[in-house]
Amino acid sequence: MTNREQLIQELEQAPDELVQAVFDFLHRVKATRRNHPLAKFAGILSDLEAEELQRTIAAECRQVDLNKW
């Protein structure tokens, strides 16, 4: 079952107040993504590229050499 299918199934069983809250949240997120200055970069990397970038950042950028201070 996909995330979308699972979400729909959950929403079908949820009370109306929760459905409205999820609906409102979705619209806020969509508006933020559309207007955010970095939104144009969302989704430009493949999953493989994103994983490689995360590994590189973890390996190279989070290191502190106390002798250099």
PDB file of N, CA and C in Angstrom:
ATOM      1  N   MET A   1       0.851  -1.180   0.000  1.00  0.00           N
ATOM      2  CA  MET A   1       0.000   0.000   0.000  1.00  0.00           C
ATOM      3  C   MET A   1       0.897   1.243   0.000  1.00  0.00           C
ATOM      4  N   THR A   2       0.608   2.168  -0.879  1.00  0.00           N
ATOM      5  CA  THR A   2       1.395   3.396  -0.945  1.00  0.00           C
ATOM      6  C   THR A   2       1.034   4.319   0.208  1.00  0.00           C
ATOM      7  N   ASN A   3       1.879   5.310   0.439  1.00  0.00           N
ATOM      8  CA  ASN A   3       1.586   6.311   1.476  1.00  0.00           C
ATOM      9  C   ASN A   3       0.270   7.031   1.191  1.00  0.00           C
ATOM     10  N   ARG A   4       0.038   7.334  -0.071  1.00  0.00           N
ATOM     11  CA  ARG A   4      -1.187   8.037  -0.460  1.00  0.00           C
ATOM     12  C   ARG A   4      -2.414   7.189  -0.141  1.00  0.00           C
ATOM     13  N   GLU A   5      -2.347   5.916  -0.495  1.00  0.00           N
ATOM     14  CA  GLU A   5      -3.467   5.013  -0.219  1.00  0.00           C
ATOM     15  C   GLU A   5      -3.693   4.864   1.283  1.00  0.00           C
ATOM     16  N   GLN A   6      -2.602   4.764   2.014  1.00  0.00           N
ATOM     17  CA  GLN A   6      -2.712   4.637   3.473  1.00  0.00           C
ATOM     18  C   GLN A   6      -3.311   5.901   4.090  1.00  0.00           C
ATOM     19  N   LEU A   7      -2.888   7.062   3.604  1.00  0.00           N
ATOM     20  CA  LEU A   7      -3.433   8.328   4.101  1.00  0.00           C
ATOM     21  C   LEU A   7      -4.928   8.429   3.818  1.00  0.00           C
ATOM     22  N   ILE A   8      -5.323   8.064   2.609  1.00  0.00           N
ATOM     23  CA  ILE A   8      -6.746   8.107   2.257  1.00  0.00           C
ATOM     24  C   ILE A   8      -7.549   7.177   3.154  1.00  0.00           C
ATOM     25  N   GLN A   9      -7.018   6.007   3.394  1.00  0.00           N
ATOM     26  CA  GLN A   9      -7.703   5.056   4.266  1.00  0.00           C
ATOM     27  C   GLN A   9      -7.850   5.620   5.683  1.00  0.00           C
ATOM     28  N   GLU A  10      -6.787   6.232   6.183  1.00  0.00           N
ATOM     29  CA  GLU A  10      -6.833   6.837   7.519  1.00  0.00           C
ATOM     30  C   GLU A  10      -7.845   7.984   7.565  1.00  0.00           C
ATOM     31  N   LEU A  11      -7.850   8.817   6.530  1.00  0.00           N
ATOM     32  CA  LEU A  11      -8.765   9.960   6.503  1.00  0.00           C
ATOM     33  C   LEU A  11     -10.225   9.520   6.412  1.00  0.00           C
ATOM     34  N   GLU A  12     -10.472   8.417   5.720  1.00  0.00           N
ATOM     35  CA  GLU A  12     -11.846   7.916   5.619  1.00  0.00           C
ATOM     36  C   GLU A  12     -12.395   7.517   6.984  1.00  0.00           C
ATOM     37  N   GLN A  13     -11.518   7.141   7.904  1.00  0.00           N
ATOM     38  CA  GLN A  13     -11.945   6.696   9.225  1.00  0.00           C
ATOM     39  C   GLN A  13     -11.819   7.790  10.287  1.00  0.00           C
ATOM     40  N   ALA A  14     -11.236   8.907   9.933  1.00  0.00           N
ATOM     41  CA  ALA A  14     -10.973   9.976  10.898  1.00  0.00           C
ATOM     42  C   ALA A  14     -12.209  10.851  11.100  1.00  0.00           C
ATOM     43  N   PRO A  15     -12.318  11.454  12.280  1.00  0.00           N
ATOM     44  CA  PRO A  15     -13.425  12.388  12.511  1.00  0.00           C
ATOM     45  C   PRO A  15     -13.255  13.646  11.651  1.00  0.00           C
ATOM     46  N   ASP A  16     -14.352  14.325  11.398  1.00  0.00           N
ATOM     47  CA  ASP A  16     -14.346  15.493  10.509  1.00  0.00           C
ATOM     48  C   ASP A  16     -13.375  16.578  10.966  1.00  0.00           C
ATOM     49  N   GLU A  17     -13.245  16.771  12.284  1.00  0.00           N
ATOM     50  CA  GLU A  17     -12.331  17.815  12.774  1.00  0.00           C
ATOM     51  C   GLU A  17     -10.883  17.505  12.386  1.00  0.00           C
ATOM     52  N   LEU A  18     -10.511  16.231  12.456  1.00  0.00           N
ATOM     53  CA  LEU A  18      -9.154  15.842  12.086  1.00  0.00           C
ATOM     54  C   LEU A  18      -8.940  15.988  10.583  1.00  0.00           C
ATOM     55  N   VAL A  19      -9.934  15.612   9.809  1.00  0.00           N
ATOM     56  CA  VAL A  19      -9.844  15.767   8.351  1.00  0.00           C
ATOM     57  C   VAL A  19      -9.664  17.239   8.001  1.00  0.00           C
ATOM     58  N   GLN A  20     -10.404  18.121   8.668  1.00  0.00           N
ATOM     59  CA  GLN A  20     -10.276  19.559   8.410  1.00  0.00           C
ATOM     60  C   GLN A  20      -8.886  20.057   8.797  1.00  0.00           C
ATOM     61  N   ALA A  21      -8.342  19.575   9.916  1.00  0.00           N
ATOM     62  CA  ALA A  21      -7.007  19.992  10.351  1.00  0.00           C
ATOM     63  C   ALA A  21      -5.948  19.541   9.342  1.00  0.00           C
ATOM     64  N   VAL A  22      -6.071  18.327   8.851  1.00  0.00           N
ATOM     65  CA  VAL A  22      -5.123  17.817   7.844  1.00  0.00           C
ATOM     66  C   VAL A  22      -5.250  18.623   6.560  1.00  0.00           C
ATOM     67  N   PHE A  23      -6.461  18.920   6.174  1.00  0.00           N
ATOM     68  CA  PHE A  23      -6.723  19.711   4.969  1.00  0.00           C
ATOM     69  C   PHE A  23      -6.092  21.101   5.082  1.00  0.00           C
ATOM     70  N   ASP A  24      -6.303  21.747   6.223  1.00  0.00           N
ATOM     71  CA  ASP A  24      -5.717  23.070   6.454  1.00  0.00           C
ATOM     72  C   ASP A  24      -4.200  23.017   6.424  1.00  0.00           C
ATOM     73  N   PHE A  25      -3.633  21.992   7.068  1.00  0.00           N
ATOM     74  CA  PHE A  25      -2.177  21.831   7.099  1.00  0.00           C
ATOM     75  C   PHE A  25      -1.627  21.648   5.690  1.00  0.00           C
ATOM     76  N   LEU A  26      -2.282  20.816   4.903  1.00  0.00           N
ATOM     77  CA  LEU A  26      -1.837  20.574   3.533  1.00  0.00           C
ATOM     78  C   LEU A  26      -1.809  21.865   2.724  1.00  0.00           C
ATOM     79  N   HIS A  27      -2.825  22.681   2.879  1.00  0.00           N
ATOM     80  CA  HIS A  27      -2.865  23.947   2.141  1.00  0.00           C
ATOM     81  C   HIS A  27      -1.785  24.922   2.615  1.00  0.00           C
ATOM     82  N   ARG A  28      -1.492  24.929   3.908  1.00  0.00           N
ATOM     83  CA  ARG A  28      -0.409  25.795   4.411  1.00  0.00           C
ATOM     84  C   ARG A  28       0.942  25.339   3.855  1.00  0.00           C
ATOM     85  N   VAL A  29       1.163  24.036   3.834  1.00  0.00           N
ATOM     86  CA  VAL A  29       2.430  23.510   3.313  1.00  0.00           C
ATOM     87  C   VAL A  29       2.561  23.823   1.825  1.00  0.00           C
ATOM     88  N   LYS A  30       1.511  23.613   1.076  1.00  0.00           N
ATOM     89  CA  LYS A  30       1.558  23.899  -0.357  1.00  0.00           C
ATOM     90  C   LYS A  30       1.848  25.369  -0.613  1.00  0.00           C
ATOM     91  N   ALA A  31       1.228  26.248   0.153  1.00  0.00           N
ATOM     92  CA  ALA A  31       1.446  27.689  -0.026  1.00  0.00           C
ATOM     93  C   ALA A  31       2.876  28.063   0.322  1.00  0.00           C
ATOM     94  N   THR A  32       3.404  27.466   1.367  1.00  0.00           N
ATOM     95  CA  THR A  32       4.780  27.747   1.781  1.00  0.00           C
ATOM     96  C   THR A  32       5.766  27.276   0.732  1.00  0.00           C
ATOM     97  N   ARG A  33       5.570  26.062   0.231  1.00  0.00           N
ATOM     98  CA  ARG A  33       6.477  25.525  -0.786  1.00  0.00           C
ATOM     99  C   ARG A  33       6.437  26.348  -2.062  1.00  0.00           C
ATOM    100  N   ARG A  34       5.265  26.806  -2.436  1.00  0.00           N
ATOM    101  CA  ARG A  34       5.110  27.558  -3.671  1.00  0.00           C
ATOM    102  C   ARG A  34       5.813  28.908  -3.574  1.00  0.00           C
ATOM    103  N   ASN A  35       5.754  29.533  -2.405  1.00  0.00           N
ATOM    104  CA  ASN A  35       6.284  30.883  -2.247  1.00  0.00           C
ATOM    105  C   ASN A  35       7.680  30.927  -1.659  1.00  0.00           C
ATOM    106  N   HIS A  36       8.196  29.811  -1.196  1.00  0.00           N
ATOM    107  CA  HIS A  36       9.510  29.799  -0.558  1.00  0.00           C
ATOM    108  C   HIS A  36      10.594  30.013  -1.610  1.00  0.00           C
ATOM    109  N   PRO A  37      11.598  30.826  -1.310  1.00  0.00           N
ATOM    110  CA  PRO A  37      12.637  31.118  -2.313  1.00  0.00           C
ATOM    111  C   PRO A  37      13.444  29.883  -2.730  1.00  0.00           C
ATOM    112  N   LEU A  38      13.488  28.852  -1.901  1.00  0.00           N
ATOM    113  CA  LEU A  38      14.234  27.649  -2.257  1.00  0.00           C
ATOM    114  C   LEU A  38      13.353  26.576  -2.895  1.00  0.00           C
ATOM    115  N   ALA A  39      12.059  26.841  -3.033  1.00  0.00           N
ATOM    116  CA  ALA A  39      11.118  25.851  -3.563  1.00  0.00           C
ATOM    117  C   ALA A  39      11.498  25.379  -4.965  1.00  0.00           C
ATOM    118  N   LYS A  40      12.115  26.252  -5.749  1.00  0.00           N
ATOM    119  CA  LYS A  40      12.462  25.870  -7.115  1.00  0.00           C
ATOM    120  C   LYS A  40      13.510  24.762  -7.155  1.00  0.00           C
ATOM    121  N   PHE A  41      14.189  24.524  -6.023  1.00  0.00           N
ATOM    122  CA  PHE A  41      15.200  23.481  -5.967  1.00  0.00           C
ATOM    123  C   PHE A  41      14.663  22.153  -5.449  1.00  0.00           C
ATOM    124  N   ALA A  42      13.436  22.133  -4.971  1.00  0.00           N
ATOM    125  CA  ALA A  42      12.844  20.910  -4.427  1.00  0.00           C
ATOM    126  C   ALA A  42      12.704  19.875  -5.535  1.00  0.00           C
ATOM    127  N   GLY A  43      13.206  18.684  -5.265  1.00  0.00           N
ATOM    128  CA  GLY A  43      13.048  17.578  -6.202  1.00  0.00           C
ATOM    129  C   GLY A  43      14.025  17.543  -7.348  1.00  0.00           C
ATOM    130  N   ILE A  44      15.075  18.363  -7.325  1.00  0.00           N
ATOM    131  CA  ILE A  44      16.006  18.360  -8.460  1.00  0.00           C
ATOM    132  C   ILE A  44      17.028  17.231  -8.370  1.00  0.00           C
ATOM    133  N   LEU A  45      17.195  16.642  -7.184  1.00  0.00           N
ATOM    134  CA  LEU A  45      18.126  15.528  -7.033  1.00  0.00           C
ATOM    135  C   LEU A  45      17.373  14.213  -7.058  1.00  0.00           C
ATOM    136  N   SER A  46      18.007  13.208  -7.653  1.00  0.00           N
ATOM    137  CA  SER A  46      17.436  11.866  -7.573  1.00  0.00           C
ATOM    138  C   SER A  46      17.664  11.347  -6.149  1.00  0.00           C
ATOM    139  N   ASP A  47      16.994  10.264  -5.790  1.00  0.00           N
ATOM    140  CA  ASP A  47      17.190   9.684  -4.459  1.00  0.00           C
ATOM    141  C   ASP A  47      18.645   9.287  -4.259  1.00  0.00           C
ATOM    142  N   LEU A  48      19.259   8.733  -5.292  1.00  0.00           N
ATOM    143  CA  LEU A  48      20.657   8.312  -5.202  1.00  0.00           C
ATOM    144  C   LEU A  48      21.574   9.518  -4.987  1.00  0.00           C
ATOM    145  N   GLU A  49      21.342  10.594  -5.721  1.00  0.00           N
ATOM    146  CA  GLU A  49      22.144  11.805  -5.561  1.00  0.00           C
ATOM    147  C   GLU A  49      21.967  12.403  -4.168  1.00  0.00           C
ATOM    148  N   ALA A  50      20.746  12.406  -3.673  1.00  0.00           N
ATOM    149  CA  ALA A  50      20.478  12.957  -2.344  1.00  0.00           C
ATOM    150  C   ALA A  50      21.171  12.127  -1.265  1.00  0.00           C
ATOM    151  N   GLU A  51      21.121  10.806  -1.392  1.00  0.00           N
ATOM    152  CA  GLU A  51      21.795   9.933  -0.413  1.00  0.00           C
ATOM    153  C   GLU A  51      23.299  10.153  -0.437  1.00  0.00           C
ATOM    154  N   GLU A  52      23.862  10.281  -1.627  1.00  0.00           N
ATOM    155  CA  GLU A  52      25.301  10.527  -1.747  1.00  0.00           C
ATOM    156  C   GLU A  52      25.673  11.864  -1.118  1.00  0.00           C
ATOM    157  N   LEU A  53      24.872  12.878  -1.342  1.00  0.00           N
ATOM    158  CA  LEU A  53      25.117  14.198  -0.756  1.00  0.00           C
ATOM    159  C   LEU A  53      25.032  14.135   0.762  1.00  0.00           C
ATOM    160  N   GLN A  54      24.049  13.423   1.295  1.00  0.00           N
ATOM    161  CA  GLN A  54      23.923  13.274   2.743  1.00  0.00           C
ATOM    162  C   GLN A  54      25.134  12.557   3.332  1.00  0.00           C
ATOM    163  N   ARG A  55      25.607  11.512   2.653  1.00  0.00           N
ATOM    164  CA  ARG A  55      26.800  10.785   3.138  1.00  0.00           C
ATOM    165  C   ARG A  55      28.026  11.694   3.126  1.00  0.00           C
ATOM    166  N   THR A  56      28.166  12.469   2.070  1.00  0.00           N
ATOM    167  CA  THR A  56      29.308  13.375   1.963  1.00  0.00           C
ATOM    168  C   THR A  56      29.270  14.430   3.058  1.00  0.00           C
ATOM    169  N   ILE A  57      28.114  14.995   3.297  1.00  0.00           N
ATOM    170  CA  ILE A  57      27.978  16.003   4.354  1.00  0.00           C
ATOM    171  C   ILE A  57      28.304  15.394   5.706  1.00  0.00           C
ATOM    172  N   ALA A  58      27.780  14.205   5.973  1.00  0.00           N
ATOM    173  CA  ALA A  58      28.039  13.546   7.258  1.00  0.00           C
ATOM    174  C   ALA A  58      29.522  13.241   7.441  1.00  0.00           C
ATOM    175  N   ALA A  59      30.190  12.847   6.370  1.00  0.00           N
ATOM    176  CA  ALA A  59      31.590  12.461   6.465  1.00  0.00           C
ATOM    177  C   ALA A  59      32.538  13.669   6.489  1.00  0.00           C
ATOM    178  N   GLU A  60      32.223  14.688   5.720  1.00  0.00           N
ATOM    179  CA  GLU A  60      33.162  15.789   5.526  1.00  0.00           C
ATOM    180  C   GLU A  60      32.838  17.058   6.324  1.00  0.00           C
ATOM    181  N   CYS A  61      31.586  17.344   6.532  1.00  0.00           N
ATOM    182  CA  CYS A  61      31.210  18.645   7.079  1.00  0.00           C
ATOM    183  C   CYS A  61      30.950  18.653   8.574  1.00  0.00           C
ATOM    184  N   ARG A  62      30.823  17.517   9.162  1.00  0.00           N
ATOM    185  CA  ARG A  62      30.490  17.482  10.584  1.00  0.00           C
ATOM    186  C   ARG A  62      31.684  17.073  11.428  1.00  0.00           C
ATOM    187  N   GLN A  63      32.853  17.313  10.904  1.00  0.00           N
ATOM    188  CA  GLN A  63      34.071  16.953  11.616  1.00  0.00           C
ATOM    189  C   GLN A  63      34.694  18.205  12.223  1.00  0.00           C
ATOM    190  N   VAL A  64      35.091  18.113  13.470  1.00  0.00           N
ATOM    191  CA  VAL A  64      35.750  19.217  14.126  1.00  0.00           C
ATOM    192  C   VAL A  64      37.160  18.785  14.489  1.00  0.00           C
ATOM    193  N   ASP A  65      38.128  19.498  13.986  1.00  0.00           N
ATOM    194  CA  ASP A  65      39.527  19.218  14.307  1.00  0.00           C
ATOM    195  C   ASP A  65      39.921  20.192  15.412  1.00  0.00           C
ATOM    196  N   LEU A  66      39.981  19.694  16.647  1.00  0.00           N
ATOM    197  CA  LEU A  66      40.286  20.541  17.786  1.00  0.00           C
ATOM    198  C   LEU A  66      41.687  21.145  17.740  1.00  0.00           C
ATOM    199  N   ASN A  67      42.584  20.534  16.970  1.00  0.00           N
ATOM    200  CA  ASN A  67      43.946  21.053  16.857  1.00  0.00           C
ATOM    201  C   ASN A  67      44.018  22.291  15.976  1.00  0.00           C
ATOM    202  N   LYS A  68      43.006  22.560  15.203  1.00  0.00           N
ATOM    203  CA  LYS A  68      43.014  23.727  14.325  1.00  0.00           C
ATOM    204  C   LYS A  68      42.507  24.980  15.016  1.00  0.00           C
ATOM    205  N   TRP A  69      42.021  24.869  16.222  1.00  0.00           N
ATOM    206  CA  TRP A  69      41.474  26.010  16.923  1.00  0.00           C
ATOM    207  C   TRP A  69      42.543  26.754  17.657  1.00  0.00           C
TER     208      TRP A  69
END
